[in-house]
């Protein structure tokens, strides 16, 4: 299951939800658990959300060149980007996240995630 909504810009995921949607999403996942839940973005990249799910966390990484190209397309402010970098690095360390390279096509990423999560 992928959290979020696709957008014509190609940048969907949980960025399409509000910051206050975390509790609603947790309630929904408790009622209808999934074998594998994939969510990306800043909305749910918070310790309490991930700790509540008892989630195995994968820290999605990308080489600096591709990362900068994506950020330019999104016109993300440099100070916001620096804050997100710090936040995710601390969260990854705290939750002992496993690094996961995002340079592959989506179908390959899903296959690799399923493999890492020991799912068929």
PDB file of N, CA and C in Angstrom:
ATOM      1  N   UNK A   1       0.843  -1.157   0.000  1.00  0.00           N
ATOM      2  CA  UNK A   1       0.000   0.000   0.000  1.00  0.00           C
ATOM      3  C   UNK A   1       0.897   1.231   0.000  1.00  0.00           C
ATOM      4  N   UNK A   2       0.598   2.190  -0.855  1.00  0.00           N
ATOM      5  CA  UNK A   2       1.347   3.436  -0.892  1.00  0.00           C
ATOM      6  C   UNK A   2       0.475   4.540  -0.325  1.00  0.00           C
ATOM      7  N   UNK A   3       1.010   5.266   0.642  1.00  0.00           N
ATOM      8  CA  UNK A   3       0.296   6.383   1.233  1.00  0.00           C
ATOM      9  C   UNK A   3       0.435   7.614   0.348  1.00  0.00           C
ATOM     10  N   UNK A   4      -0.633   8.383   0.245  1.00  0.00           N
ATOM     11  CA  UNK A   4      -0.580   9.631  -0.502  1.00  0.00           C
ATOM     12  C   UNK A   4      -1.352   9.547  -1.799  1.00  0.00           C
ATOM     13  N   UNK A   5      -1.209  10.568  -2.602  1.00  0.00           N
ATOM     14  CA  UNK A   5      -1.935  10.679  -3.864  1.00  0.00           C
ATOM     15  C   UNK A   5      -0.977  11.083  -4.968  1.00  0.00           C
ATOM     16  N   UNK A   6      -1.133  10.493  -6.155  1.00  0.00           N
ATOM     17  CA  UNK A   6      -0.295  10.928  -7.276  1.00  0.00           C
ATOM     18  C   UNK A   6      -0.689  12.337  -7.723  1.00  0.00           C
ATOM     19  N   UNK A   7       0.264  13.068  -8.284  1.00  0.00           N
ATOM     20  CA  UNK A   7      -0.011  14.394  -8.837  1.00  0.00           C
ATOM     21  C   UNK A   7       0.617  14.484 -10.223  1.00  0.00           C
ATOM     22  N   UNK A   8       0.074  15.349 -11.040  1.00  0.00           N
ATOM     23  CA  UNK A   8       0.583  15.500 -12.408  1.00  0.00           C
ATOM     24  C   UNK A   8       2.034  15.960 -12.436  1.00  0.00           C
ATOM     25  N   UNK A   9       2.506  16.588 -11.376  1.00  0.00           N
ATOM     26  CA  UNK A   9       3.902  17.046 -11.318  1.00  0.00           C
ATOM     27  C   UNK A   9       4.877  15.898 -11.126  1.00  0.00           C
ATOM     28  N   UNK A  10       4.352  14.749 -10.739  1.00  0.00           N
ATOM     29  CA  UNK A  10       5.216  13.609 -10.463  1.00  0.00           C
ATOM     30  C   UNK A  10       5.670  13.548  -9.024  1.00  0.00           C
ATOM     31  N   UNK A  11       5.368  14.561  -8.232  1.00  0.00           N
ATOM     32  CA  UNK A  11       5.740  14.593  -6.823  1.00  0.00           C
ATOM     33  C   UNK A  11       4.479  14.441  -5.995  1.00  0.00           C
ATOM     34  N   UNK A  12       4.136  13.252  -5.676  1.00  0.00           N
ATOM     35  CA  UNK A  12       2.925  12.999  -4.924  1.00  0.00           C
ATOM     36  C   UNK A  12       3.253  12.531  -3.534  1.00  0.00           C
ATOM     37  N   UNK A  13       2.783  11.341  -3.231  1.00  0.00           N
ATOM     38  CA  UNK A  13       3.057  10.781  -1.920  1.00  0.00           C
ATOM     39  C   UNK A  13       2.359  11.547  -0.821  1.00  0.00           C
ATOM     40  N   UNK A  14       2.939  11.503   0.355  1.00  0.00           N
ATOM     41  CA  UNK A  14       2.289  12.110   1.510  1.00  0.00           C
ATOM     42  C   UNK A  14       2.363  13.635   1.489  1.00  0.00           C
ATOM     43  N   UNK A  15       3.112  14.221   0.564  1.00  0.00           N
ATOM     44  CA  UNK A  15       3.137  15.679   0.460  1.00  0.00           C
ATOM     45  C   UNK A  15       1.768  16.233   0.078  1.00  0.00           C
ATOM     46  N   UNK A  16       0.889  15.382  -0.414  1.00  0.00           N
ATOM     47  CA  UNK A  16      -0.457  15.829  -0.777  1.00  0.00           C
ATOM     48  C   UNK A  16      -1.392  15.873   0.430  1.00  0.00           C
ATOM     49  N   UNK A  17      -0.924  15.414   1.585  1.00  0.00           N
ATOM     50  CA  UNK A  17      -1.727  15.416   2.811  1.00  0.00           C
ATOM     51  C   UNK A  17      -1.283  16.550   3.719  1.00  0.00           C
ATOM     52  N   UNK A  18      -2.140  16.905   4.653  1.00  0.00           N
ATOM     53  CA  UNK A  18      -1.790  17.913   5.633  1.00  0.00           C
ATOM     54  C   UNK A  18      -0.983  17.309   6.778  1.00  0.00           C
ATOM     55  N   UNK A  19      -0.275  18.175   7.495  1.00  0.00           N
ATOM     56  CA  UNK A  19       0.524  17.704   8.635  1.00  0.00           C
ATOM     57  C   UNK A  19      -0.350  17.112   9.737  1.00  0.00           C
ATOM     58  N   UNK A  20      -1.599  17.502   9.810  1.00  0.00           N
ATOM     59  CA  UNK A  20      -2.495  17.004  10.865  1.00  0.00           C
ATOM     60  C   UNK A  20      -3.142  15.667  10.502  1.00  0.00           C
ATOM     61  N   UNK A  21      -2.831  15.107   9.354  1.00  0.00           N
ATOM     62  CA  UNK A  21      -3.464  13.862   8.921  1.00  0.00           C
ATOM     63  C   UNK A  21      -2.858  12.601   9.528  1.00  0.00           C
ATOM     64  N   UNK A  22      -1.746  12.722  10.228  1.00  0.00           N
ATOM     65  CA  UNK A  22      -1.089  11.555  10.819  1.00  0.00           C
ATOM     66  C   UNK A  22      -1.992  10.712  11.700  1.00  0.00           C
ATOM     67  N   UNK A  23      -2.689  11.308  12.685  1.00  0.00           N
ATOM     68  CA  UNK A  23      -3.574  10.501  13.538  1.00  0.00           C
ATOM     69  C   UNK A  23      -4.680   9.789  12.757  1.00  0.00           C
ATOM     70  N   UNK A  24      -5.220  10.437  11.725  1.00  0.00           N
ATOM     71  CA  UNK A  24      -6.263   9.807  10.898  1.00  0.00           C
ATOM     72  C   UNK A  24      -5.687   8.607  10.149  1.00  0.00           C
ATOM     73  N   UNK A  25      -4.483   8.780   9.634  1.00  0.00           N
ATOM     74  CA  UNK A  25      -3.843   7.680   8.906  1.00  0.00           C
ATOM     75  C   UNK A  25      -3.538   6.509   9.833  1.00  0.00           C
ATOM     76  N   UNK A  26      -3.092   6.792  11.052  1.00  0.00           N
ATOM     77  CA  UNK A  26      -2.828   5.725  12.028  1.00  0.00           C
ATOM     78  C   UNK A  26      -4.103   4.960  12.354  1.00  0.00           C
ATOM     79  N   UNK A  27      -5.189   5.691  12.571  1.00  0.00           N
ATOM     80  CA  UNK A  27      -6.472   5.041  12.870  1.00  0.00           C
ATOM     81  C   UNK A  27      -6.897   4.143  11.713  1.00  0.00           C
ATOM     82  N   UNK A  28      -6.731   4.633  10.514  1.00  0.00           N
ATOM     83  CA  UNK A  28      -7.094   3.860   9.323  1.00  0.00           C
ATOM     84  C   UNK A  28      -6.233   2.607   9.203  1.00  0.00           C
ATOM     85  N   UNK A  29      -4.930   2.731   9.436  1.00  0.00           N
ATOM     86  CA  UNK A  29      -4.036   1.575   9.334  1.00  0.00           C
ATOM     87  C   UNK A  29      -4.287   0.549  10.438  1.00  0.00           C
ATOM     88  N   UNK A  30      -4.724   1.009  11.595  1.00  0.00           N
ATOM     89  CA  UNK A  30      -5.066   0.060  12.667  1.00  0.00           C
ATOM     90  C   UNK A  30      -6.276  -0.770  12.271  1.00  0.00           C
ATOM     91  N   UNK A  31      -7.241  -0.159  11.598  1.00  0.00           N
ATOM     92  CA  UNK A  31      -8.466  -0.856  11.181  1.00  0.00           C
ATOM     93  C   UNK A  31      -8.219  -1.777   9.997  1.00  0.00           C
ATOM     94  N   UNK A  32      -7.318  -1.397   9.123  1.00  0.00           N
ATOM     95  CA  UNK A  32      -7.080  -2.149   7.888  1.00  0.00           C
ATOM     96  C   UNK A  32      -5.579  -2.292   7.646  1.00  0.00           C
ATOM     97  N   UNK A  33      -4.891  -3.104   8.477  1.00  0.00           N
ATOM     98  CA  UNK A  33      -3.438  -3.230   8.336  1.00  0.00           C
ATOM     99  C   UNK A  33      -3.046  -3.804   6.982  1.00  0.00           C
ATOM    100  N   UNK A  34      -1.883  -3.413   6.516  1.00  0.00           N
ATOM    101  CA  UNK A  34      -1.364  -3.884   5.237  1.00  0.00           C
ATOM    102  C   UNK A  34      -0.050  -4.612   5.467  1.00  0.00           C
ATOM    103  N   UNK A  35       0.268  -5.485   4.538  1.00  0.00           N
ATOM    104  CA  UNK A  35       1.507  -6.255   4.610  1.00  0.00           C
ATOM    105  C   UNK A  35       2.731  -5.334   4.494  1.00  0.00           C
ATOM    106  N   UNK A  36       2.640  -4.360   3.603  1.00  0.00           N
ATOM    107  CA  UNK A  36       3.724  -3.413   3.378  1.00  0.00           C
ATOM    108  C   UNK A  36       3.115  -2.042   3.133  1.00  0.00           C
ATOM    109  N   UNK A  37       3.556  -1.066   3.885  1.00  0.00           N
ATOM    110  CA  UNK A  37       3.066   0.301   3.730  1.00  0.00           C
ATOM    111  C   UNK A  37       4.247   1.170   3.331  1.00  0.00           C
ATOM    112  N   UNK A  38       4.090   1.906   2.232  1.00  0.00           N
ATOM    113  CA  UNK A  38       5.142   2.776   1.740  1.00  0.00           C
ATOM    114  C   UNK A  38       4.633   4.210   1.778  1.00  0.00           C
ATOM    115  N   UNK A  39       5.382   5.053   2.444  1.00  0.00           N
ATOM    116  CA  UNK A  39       5.061   6.476   2.483  1.00  0.00           C
ATOM    117  C   UNK A  39       6.352   7.254   2.424  1.00  0.00           C
ATOM    118  N   UNK A  40       6.316   8.368   1.749  1.00  0.00           N
ATOM    119  CA  UNK A  40       7.515   9.197   1.669  1.00  0.00           C
ATOM    120  C   UNK A  40       7.108  10.633   1.900  1.00  0.00           C
ATOM    121  N   UNK A  41       8.081  11.433   2.168  1.00  0.00           N
ATOM    122  CA  UNK A  41       7.804  12.844   2.343  1.00  0.00           C
ATOM    123  C   UNK A  41       7.905  13.270   3.799  1.00  0.00           C
ATOM    124  N   UNK A  42       7.744  14.551   3.995  1.00  0.00           N
ATOM    125  CA  UNK A  42       7.955  15.157   5.305  1.00  0.00           C
ATOM    126  C   UNK A  42       6.782  14.951   6.255  1.00  0.00           C
ATOM    127  N   UNK A  43       5.596  14.735   5.739  1.00  0.00           N
ATOM    128  CA  UNK A  43       4.397  14.692   6.581  1.00  0.00           C
ATOM    129  C   UNK A  43       4.467  13.652   7.691  1.00  0.00           C
ATOM    130  N   UNK A  44       4.911  12.468   7.353  1.00  0.00           N
ATOM    131  CA  UNK A  44       4.926  11.394   8.337  1.00  0.00           C
ATOM    132  C   UNK A  44       6.343  10.982   8.719  1.00  0.00           C
ATOM    133  N   UNK A  45       7.297  11.793   8.383  1.00  0.00           N
ATOM    134  CA  UNK A  45       8.686  11.517   8.765  1.00  0.00           C
ATOM    135  C   UNK A  45       8.933  12.063  10.163  1.00  0.00           C
ATOM    136  N   UNK A  46       8.197  11.525  11.096  1.00  0.00           N
ATOM    137  CA  UNK A  46       8.303  11.952  12.490  1.00  0.00           C
ATOM    138  C   UNK A  46       8.350  10.720  13.377  1.00  0.00           C
ATOM    139  N   UNK A  47       9.153  10.793  14.424  1.00  0.00           N
ATOM    140  CA  UNK A  47       9.344   9.656  15.315  1.00  0.00           C
ATOM    141  C   UNK A  47       8.062   9.054  15.862  1.00  0.00           C
ATOM    142  N   UNK A  48       7.142   9.859  16.451  1.00  0.00           N
ATOM    143  CA  UNK A  48       5.938   9.269  17.045  1.00  0.00           C
ATOM    144  C   UNK A  48       5.115   8.438  16.053  1.00  0.00           C
ATOM    145  N   UNK A  49       4.972   8.922  14.838  1.00  0.00           N
ATOM    146  CA  UNK A  49       4.224   8.192  13.800  1.00  0.00           C
ATOM    147  C   UNK A  49       4.891   6.847  13.519  1.00  0.00           C
ATOM    148  N   UNK A  50       6.184   6.859  13.299  1.00  0.00           N
ATOM    149  CA  UNK A  50       6.906   5.635  12.970  1.00  0.00           C
ATOM    150  C   UNK A  50       7.006   4.699  14.171  1.00  0.00           C
ATOM    151  N   UNK A  51       7.172   5.239  15.358  1.00  0.00           N
ATOM    152  CA  UNK A  51       7.233   4.413  16.565  1.00  0.00           C
ATOM    153  C   UNK A  51       5.881   3.747  16.834  1.00  0.00           C
ATOM    154  N   UNK A  52       4.792   4.475  16.618  1.00  0.00           N
ATOM    155  CA  UNK A  52       3.451   3.921  16.811  1.00  0.00           C
ATOM    156  C   UNK A  52       3.218   2.731  15.889  1.00  0.00           C
ATOM    157  N   UNK A  53       3.683   2.849  14.665  1.00  0.00           N
ATOM    158  CA  UNK A  53       3.517   1.752  13.704  1.00  0.00           C
ATOM    159  C   UNK A  53       4.477   0.602  13.974  1.00  0.00           C
ATOM    160  N   UNK A  54       5.458   0.859  14.840  1.00  0.00           N
ATOM    161  CA  UNK A  54       6.535  -0.112  15.045  1.00  0.00           C
ATOM    162  C   UNK A  54       7.130  -0.479  13.683  1.00  0.00           C
ATOM    163  N   UNK A  55       7.355   0.573  12.909  1.00  0.00           N
ATOM    164  CA  UNK A  55       7.780   0.413  11.530  1.00  0.00           C
ATOM    165  C   UNK A  55       9.262   0.105  11.420  1.00  0.00           C
ATOM    166  N   UNK A  56       9.579  -0.690  10.431  1.00  0.00           N
ATOM    167  CA  UNK A  56      10.975  -0.816  10.024  1.00  0.00           C
ATOM    168  C   UNK A  56      11.191   0.322   9.047  1.00  0.00           C
ATOM    169  N   UNK A  57      12.155   1.148   9.317  1.00  0.00           N
ATOM    170  CA  UNK A  57      12.326   2.378   8.558  1.00  0.00           C
ATOM    171  C   UNK A  57      13.484   2.237   7.576  1.00  0.00           C
ATOM    172  N   UNK A  58      13.217   2.654   6.353  1.00  0.00           N
ATOM    173  CA  UNK A  58      14.237   2.696   5.322  1.00  0.00           C
ATOM    174  C   UNK A  58      14.492   4.156   4.990  1.00  0.00           C
ATOM    175  N   UNK A  59      15.725   4.577   5.102  1.00  0.00           N
ATOM    176  CA  UNK A  59      16.091   5.954   4.808  1.00  0.00           C
ATOM    177  C   UNK A  59      16.414   6.014   3.329  1.00  0.00           C
ATOM    178  N   UNK A  60      15.551   6.669   2.586  1.00  0.00           N
ATOM    179  CA  UNK A  60      15.705   6.748   1.137  1.00  0.00           C
ATOM    180  C   UNK A  60      16.802   7.748   0.784  1.00  0.00           C
ATOM    181  N   UNK A  61      17.773   7.281   0.054  1.00  0.00           N
ATOM    182  CA  UNK A  61      18.913   8.095  -0.323  1.00  0.00           C
ATOM    183  C   UNK A  61      18.972   8.236  -1.843  1.00  0.00           C
ATOM    184  N   UNK A  62      19.675   9.249  -2.285  1.00  0.00           N
ATOM    185  CA  UNK A  62      19.840   9.499  -3.704  1.00  0.00           C
ATOM    186  C   UNK A  62      21.160  10.238  -3.882  1.00  0.00           C
ATOM    187  N   UNK A  63      21.849   9.960  -4.970  1.00  0.00           N
ATOM    188  CA  UNK A  63      23.119  10.653  -5.181  1.00  0.00           C
ATOM    189  C   UNK A  63      22.876  12.158  -5.276  1.00  0.00           C
ATOM    190  N   UNK A  64      23.855  12.931  -4.886  1.00  0.00           N
ATOM    191  CA  UNK A  64      23.723  14.394  -4.772  1.00  0.00           C
ATOM    192  C   UNK A  64      23.276  15.033  -6.084  1.00  0.00           C
ATOM    193  N   UNK A  65      23.799  14.578  -7.232  1.00  0.00           N
ATOM    194  CA  UNK A  65      23.456  15.159  -8.532  1.00  0.00           C
ATOM    195  C   UNK A  65      21.956  15.012  -8.817  1.00  0.00           C
ATOM    196  N   UNK A  66      21.426  13.788  -8.690  1.00  0.00           N
ATOM    197  CA  UNK A  66      19.999  13.551  -8.952  1.00  0.00           C
ATOM    198  C   UNK A  66      19.128  14.249  -7.916  1.00  0.00           C
ATOM    199  N   UNK A  67      19.583  14.280  -6.682  1.00  0.00           N
ATOM    200  CA  UNK A  67      18.833  14.942  -5.625  1.00  0.00           C
ATOM    201  C   UNK A  67      18.692  16.438  -5.908  1.00  0.00           C
ATOM    202  N   UNK A  68      19.785  17.076  -6.291  1.00  0.00           N
ATOM    203  CA  UNK A  68      19.731  18.508  -6.608  1.00  0.00           C
ATOM    204  C   UNK A  68      18.832  18.774  -7.809  1.00  0.00           C
ATOM    205  N   UNK A  69      18.873  17.903  -8.820  1.00  0.00           N
ATOM    206  CA  UNK A  69      18.010  18.072  -9.998  1.00  0.00           C
ATOM    207  C   UNK A  69      16.534  17.988  -9.611  1.00  0.00           C
ATOM    208  N   UNK A  70      16.186  17.035  -8.752  1.00  0.00           N
ATOM    209  CA  UNK A  70      14.796  16.913  -8.291  1.00  0.00           C
ATOM    210  C   UNK A  70      14.377  18.132  -7.485  1.00  0.00           C
ATOM    211  N   UNK A  71      15.266  18.599  -6.637  1.00  0.00           N
ATOM    212  CA  UNK A  71      14.936  19.752  -5.797  1.00  0.00           C
ATOM    213  C   UNK A  71      14.731  21.010  -6.627  1.00  0.00           C
ATOM    214  N   UNK A  72      15.509  21.181  -7.681  1.00  0.00           N
ATOM    215  CA  UNK A  72      15.339  22.351  -8.545  1.00  0.00           C
ATOM    216  C   UNK A  72      13.979  22.328  -9.232  1.00  0.00           C
ATOM    217  N   UNK A  73      13.529  21.151  -9.635  1.00  0.00           N
ATOM    218  CA  UNK A  73      12.209  21.026 -10.260  1.00  0.00           C
ATOM    219  C   UNK A  73      11.096  21.410  -9.288  1.00  0.00           C
ATOM    220  N   UNK A  74      11.345  21.209  -8.024  1.00  0.00           N
ATOM    221  CA  UNK A  74      10.331  21.484  -7.009  1.00  0.00           C
ATOM    222  C   UNK A  74      10.472  22.876  -6.402  1.00  0.00           C
ATOM    223  N   UNK A  75      11.473  23.606  -6.801  1.00  0.00           N
ATOM    224  CA  UNK A  75      11.769  24.948  -6.282  1.00  0.00           C
ATOM    225  C   UNK A  75      11.761  24.986  -4.756  1.00  0.00           C
ATOM    226  N   UNK A  76      12.460  24.051  -4.149  1.00  0.00           N
ATOM    227  CA  UNK A  76      12.539  23.993  -2.690  1.00  0.00           C
ATOM    228  C   UNK A  76      13.587  24.976  -2.180  1.00  0.00           C
ATOM    229  N   UNK A  77      13.228  25.737  -1.185  1.00  0.00           N
ATOM    230  CA  UNK A  77      14.094  26.718  -0.554  1.00  0.00           C
ATOM    231  C   UNK A  77      15.295  26.016   0.092  1.00  0.00           C
ATOM    232  N   UNK A  78      16.480  26.600  -0.055  1.00  0.00           N
ATOM    233  CA  UNK A  78      17.710  25.984   0.457  1.00  0.00           C
ATOM    234  C   UNK A  78      17.670  25.763   1.964  1.00  0.00           C
ATOM    235  N   UNK A  79      17.106  26.711   2.714  1.00  0.00           N
ATOM    236  CA  UNK A  79      17.057  26.537   4.174  1.00  0.00           C
ATOM    237  C   UNK A  79      16.080  25.428   4.557  1.00  0.00           C
ATOM    238  N   UNK A  80      14.986  25.286   3.811  1.00  0.00           N
ATOM    239  CA  UNK A  80      14.042  24.196   4.063  1.00  0.00           C
ATOM    240  C   UNK A  80      14.733  22.861   3.796  1.00  0.00           C
ATOM    241  N   UNK A  81      15.459  22.787   2.683  1.00  0.00           N
ATOM    242  CA  UNK A  81      16.170  21.555   2.316  1.00  0.00           C
ATOM    243  C   UNK A  81      17.178  21.185   3.403  1.00  0.00           C
ATOM    244  N   UNK A  82      17.942  22.152   3.884  1.00  0.00           N
ATOM    245  CA  UNK A  82      18.934  21.881   4.925  1.00  0.00           C
ATOM    246  C   UNK A  82      18.245  21.350   6.183  1.00  0.00           C
ATOM    247  N   UNK A  83      17.116  21.934   6.544  1.00  0.00           N
ATOM    248  CA  UNK A  83      16.354  21.469   7.706  1.00  0.00           C
ATOM    249  C   UNK A  83      15.864  20.044   7.541  1.00  0.00           C
ATOM    250  N   UNK A  84      15.396  19.701   6.350  1.00  0.00           N
ATOM    251  CA  UNK A  84      14.919  18.336   6.088  1.00  0.00           C
ATOM    252  C   UNK A  84      16.082  17.357   6.128  1.00  0.00           C
ATOM    253  N   UNK A  85      17.228  17.763   5.588  1.00  0.00           N
ATOM    254  CA  UNK A  85      18.404  16.887   5.627  1.00  0.00           C
ATOM    255  C   UNK A  85      18.780  16.563   7.072  1.00  0.00           C
ATOM    256  N   UNK A  86      18.797  17.591   7.919  1.00  0.00           N
ATOM    257  CA  UNK A  86      19.133  17.395   9.332  1.00  0.00           C
ATOM    258  C   UNK A  86      18.092  16.520  10.014  1.00  0.00           C
ATOM    259  N   UNK A  87      16.827  16.818   9.784  1.00  0.00           N
ATOM    260  CA  UNK A  87      15.736  16.064  10.398  1.00  0.00           C
ATOM    261  C   UNK A  87      15.812  14.586  10.024  1.00  0.00           C
ATOM    262  N   UNK A  88      15.974  14.301   8.735  1.00  0.00           N
ATOM    263  CA  UNK A  88      15.976  12.899   8.316  1.00  0.00           C
ATOM    264  C   UNK A  88      17.212  12.160   8.805  1.00  0.00           C
ATOM    265  N   UNK A  89      18.359  12.831   8.833  1.00  0.00           N
ATOM    266  CA  UNK A  89      19.571  12.179   9.340  1.00  0.00           C
ATOM    267  C   UNK A  89      19.404  11.802  10.811  1.00  0.00           C
ATOM    268  N   UNK A  90      18.847  12.707  11.612  1.00  0.00           N
ATOM    269  CA  UNK A  90      18.627  12.417  13.032  1.00  0.00           C
ATOM    270  C   UNK A  90      17.596  11.307  13.217  1.00  0.00           C
ATOM    271  N   UNK A  91      16.525  11.371  12.443  1.00  0.00           N
ATOM    272  CA  UNK A  91      15.485  10.342  12.539  1.00  0.00           C
ATOM    273  C   UNK A  91      16.033   8.979  12.134  1.00  0.00           C
ATOM    274  N   UNK A  92      16.804   8.945  11.059  1.00  0.00           N
ATOM    275  CA  UNK A  92      17.401   7.686  10.600  1.00  0.00           C
ATOM    276  C   UNK A  92      18.311   7.093  11.666  1.00  0.00           C
ATOM    277  N   UNK A  93      19.081   7.940  12.320  1.00  0.00           N
ATOM    278  CA  UNK A  93      19.975   7.459  13.379  1.00  0.00           C
ATOM    279  C   UNK A  93      19.171   6.954  14.576  1.00  0.00           C
ATOM    280  N   UNK A  94      18.190   7.717  15.008  1.00  0.00           N
ATOM    281  CA  UNK A  94      17.380   7.348  16.172  1.00  0.00           C
ATOM    282  C   UNK A  94      16.644   6.033  15.956  1.00  0.00           C
ATOM    283  N   UNK A  95      16.073   5.868  14.755  1.00  0.00           N
ATOM    284  CA  UNK A  95      15.262   4.682  14.471  1.00  0.00           C
ATOM    285  C   UNK A  95      16.053   3.559  13.819  1.00  0.00           C
ATOM    286  N   UNK A  96      17.370   3.749  13.722  1.00  0.00           N
ATOM    287  CA  UNK A  96      18.244   2.735  13.116  1.00  0.00           C
ATOM    288  C   UNK A  96      17.739   2.327  11.725  1.00  0.00           C
ATOM    289  N   UNK A  97      17.485   3.345  10.929  1.00  0.00           N
ATOM    290  CA  UNK A  97      16.956   3.123   9.578  1.00  0.00           C
ATOM    291  C   UNK A  97      18.003   2.482   8.682  1.00  0.00           C
ATOM    292  N   UNK A  98      17.504   1.695   7.738  1.00  0.00           N
ATOM    293  CA  UNK A  98      18.370   1.088   6.739  1.00  0.00           C
ATOM    294  C   UNK A  98      18.359   1.968   5.492  1.00  0.00           C
ATOM    295  N   UNK A  99      19.518   2.241   4.929  1.00  0.00           N
ATOM    296  CA  UNK A  99      19.609   3.070   3.725  1.00  0.00           C
ATOM    297  C   UNK A  99      19.007   2.333   2.537  1.00  0.00           C
ATOM    298  N   UNK A 100      18.360   3.081   1.668  1.00  0.00           N
ATOM    299  CA  UNK A 100      17.684   2.527   0.502  1.00  0.00           C
ATOM    300  C   UNK A 100      17.874   3.495  -0.657  1.00  0.00           C
ATOM    301  N   UNK A 101      18.543   3.068  -1.715  1.00  0.00           N
ATOM    302  CA  UNK A 101      18.877   3.927  -2.850  1.00  0.00           C
ATOM    303  C   UNK A 101      17.668   4.119  -3.763  1.00  0.00           C
ATOM    304  N   UNK A 102      17.267   5.373  -3.949  1.00  0.00           N
ATOM    305  CA  UNK A 102      16.068   5.708  -4.719  1.00  0.00           C
ATOM    306  C   UNK A 102      16.337   5.984  -6.192  1.00  0.00           C
ATOM    307  N   UNK A 103      17.506   5.660  -6.697  1.00  0.00           N
ATOM    308  CA  UNK A 103      17.837   5.973  -8.090  1.00  0.00           C
ATOM    309  C   UNK A 103      17.178   5.015  -9.084  1.00  0.00           C
ATOM    310  N   UNK A 104      16.629   3.916  -8.632  1.00  0.00           N
ATOM    311  CA  UNK A 104      16.040   2.908  -9.518  1.00  0.00           C
ATOM    312  C   UNK A 104      14.616   3.271  -9.923  1.00  0.00           C
ATOM    313  N   UNK A 105      14.094   2.650 -11.004  1.00  0.00           N
ATOM    314  CA  UNK A 105      12.686   2.834 -11.367  1.00  0.00           C
ATOM    315  C   UNK A 105      11.765   2.315 -10.250  1.00  0.00           C
ATOM    316  N   UNK A 106      10.538   2.824 -10.196  1.00  0.00           N
ATOM    317  CA  UNK A 106       9.615   2.498  -9.116  1.00  0.00           C
ATOM    318  C   UNK A 106       9.374   0.999  -8.983  1.00  0.00           C
ATOM    319  N   UNK A 107       9.172   0.280 -10.083  1.00  0.00           N
ATOM    320  CA  UNK A 107       8.904  -1.158  -9.969  1.00  0.00           C
ATOM    321  C   UNK A 107      10.086  -1.899  -9.349  1.00  0.00           C
ATOM    322  N   UNK A 108      11.293  -1.469  -9.664  1.00  0.00           N
ATOM    323  CA  UNK A 108      12.482  -2.081  -9.055  1.00  0.00           C
ATOM    324  C   UNK A 108      12.567  -1.734  -7.571  1.00  0.00           C
ATOM    325  N   UNK A 109      12.175  -0.505  -7.215  1.00  0.00           N
ATOM    326  CA  UNK A 109      12.177  -0.101  -5.807  1.00  0.00           C
ATOM    327  C   UNK A 109      11.196  -0.941  -4.997  1.00  0.00           C
ATOM    328  N   UNK A 110      10.002  -1.152  -5.535  1.00  0.00           N
ATOM    329  CA  UNK A 110       9.001  -1.953  -4.830  1.00  0.00           C
ATOM    330  C   UNK A 110       9.507  -3.381  -4.650  1.00  0.00           C
ATOM    331  N   UNK A 111      10.088  -3.940  -5.688  1.00  0.00           N
ATOM    332  CA  UNK A 111      10.639  -5.291  -5.608  1.00  0.00           C
ATOM    333  C   UNK A 111      11.714  -5.380  -4.520  1.00  0.00           C
ATOM    334  N   UNK A 112      12.601  -4.369  -4.489  1.00  0.00           N
ATOM    335  CA  UNK A 112      13.669  -4.354  -3.490  1.00  0.00           C
ATOM    336  C   UNK A 112      13.118  -4.170  -2.078  1.00  0.00           C
ATOM    337  N   UNK A 113      12.121  -3.301  -1.922  1.00  0.00           N
ATOM    338  CA  UNK A 113      11.493  -3.122  -0.609  1.00  0.00           C
ATOM    339  C   UNK A 113      10.860  -4.415  -0.122  1.00  0.00           C
ATOM    340  N   UNK A 114      10.150  -5.093  -1.006  1.00  0.00           N
ATOM    341  CA  UNK A 114       9.528  -6.368  -0.622  1.00  0.00           C
ATOM    342  C   UNK A 114      10.600  -7.371  -0.196  1.00  0.00           C
ATOM    343  N   UNK A 115      11.699  -7.395  -0.896  1.00  0.00           N
ATOM    344  CA  UNK A 115      12.800  -8.294  -0.565  1.00  0.00           C
ATOM    345  C   UNK A 115      13.365  -7.943   0.826  1.00  0.00           C
ATOM    346  N   UNK A 116      13.621  -6.648   1.055  1.00  0.00           N
ATOM    347  CA  UNK A 116      14.152  -6.213   2.343  1.00  0.00           C
ATOM    348  C   UNK A 116      13.200  -6.526   3.492  1.00  0.00           C
ATOM    349  N   UNK A 117      11.895  -6.454   3.207  1.00  0.00           N
ATOM    350  CA  UNK A 117      10.889  -6.709   4.229  1.00  0.00           C
ATOM    351  C   UNK A 117      10.527  -8.192   4.325  1.00  0.00           C
ATOM    352  N   UNK A 118      11.257  -9.055   3.587  1.00  0.00           N
ATOM    353  CA  UNK A 118      10.999 -10.502   3.575  1.00  0.00           C
ATOM    354  C   UNK A 118       9.583 -10.836   3.147  1.00  0.00           C
ATOM    355  N   UNK A 119       9.105 -10.157   2.092  1.00  0.00           N
ATOM    356  CA  UNK A 119       7.774 -10.415   1.547  1.00  0.00           C
ATOM    357  C   UNK A 119       7.918 -10.998   0.145  1.00  0.00           C
ATOM    358  N   UNK A 120       6.954 -11.828  -0.261  1.00  0.00           N
ATOM    359  CA  UNK A 120       7.030 -12.421  -1.614  1.00  0.00           C
ATOM    360  C   UNK A 120       6.863 -11.402  -2.726  1.00  0.00           C
TER     361      UNK A 120
END
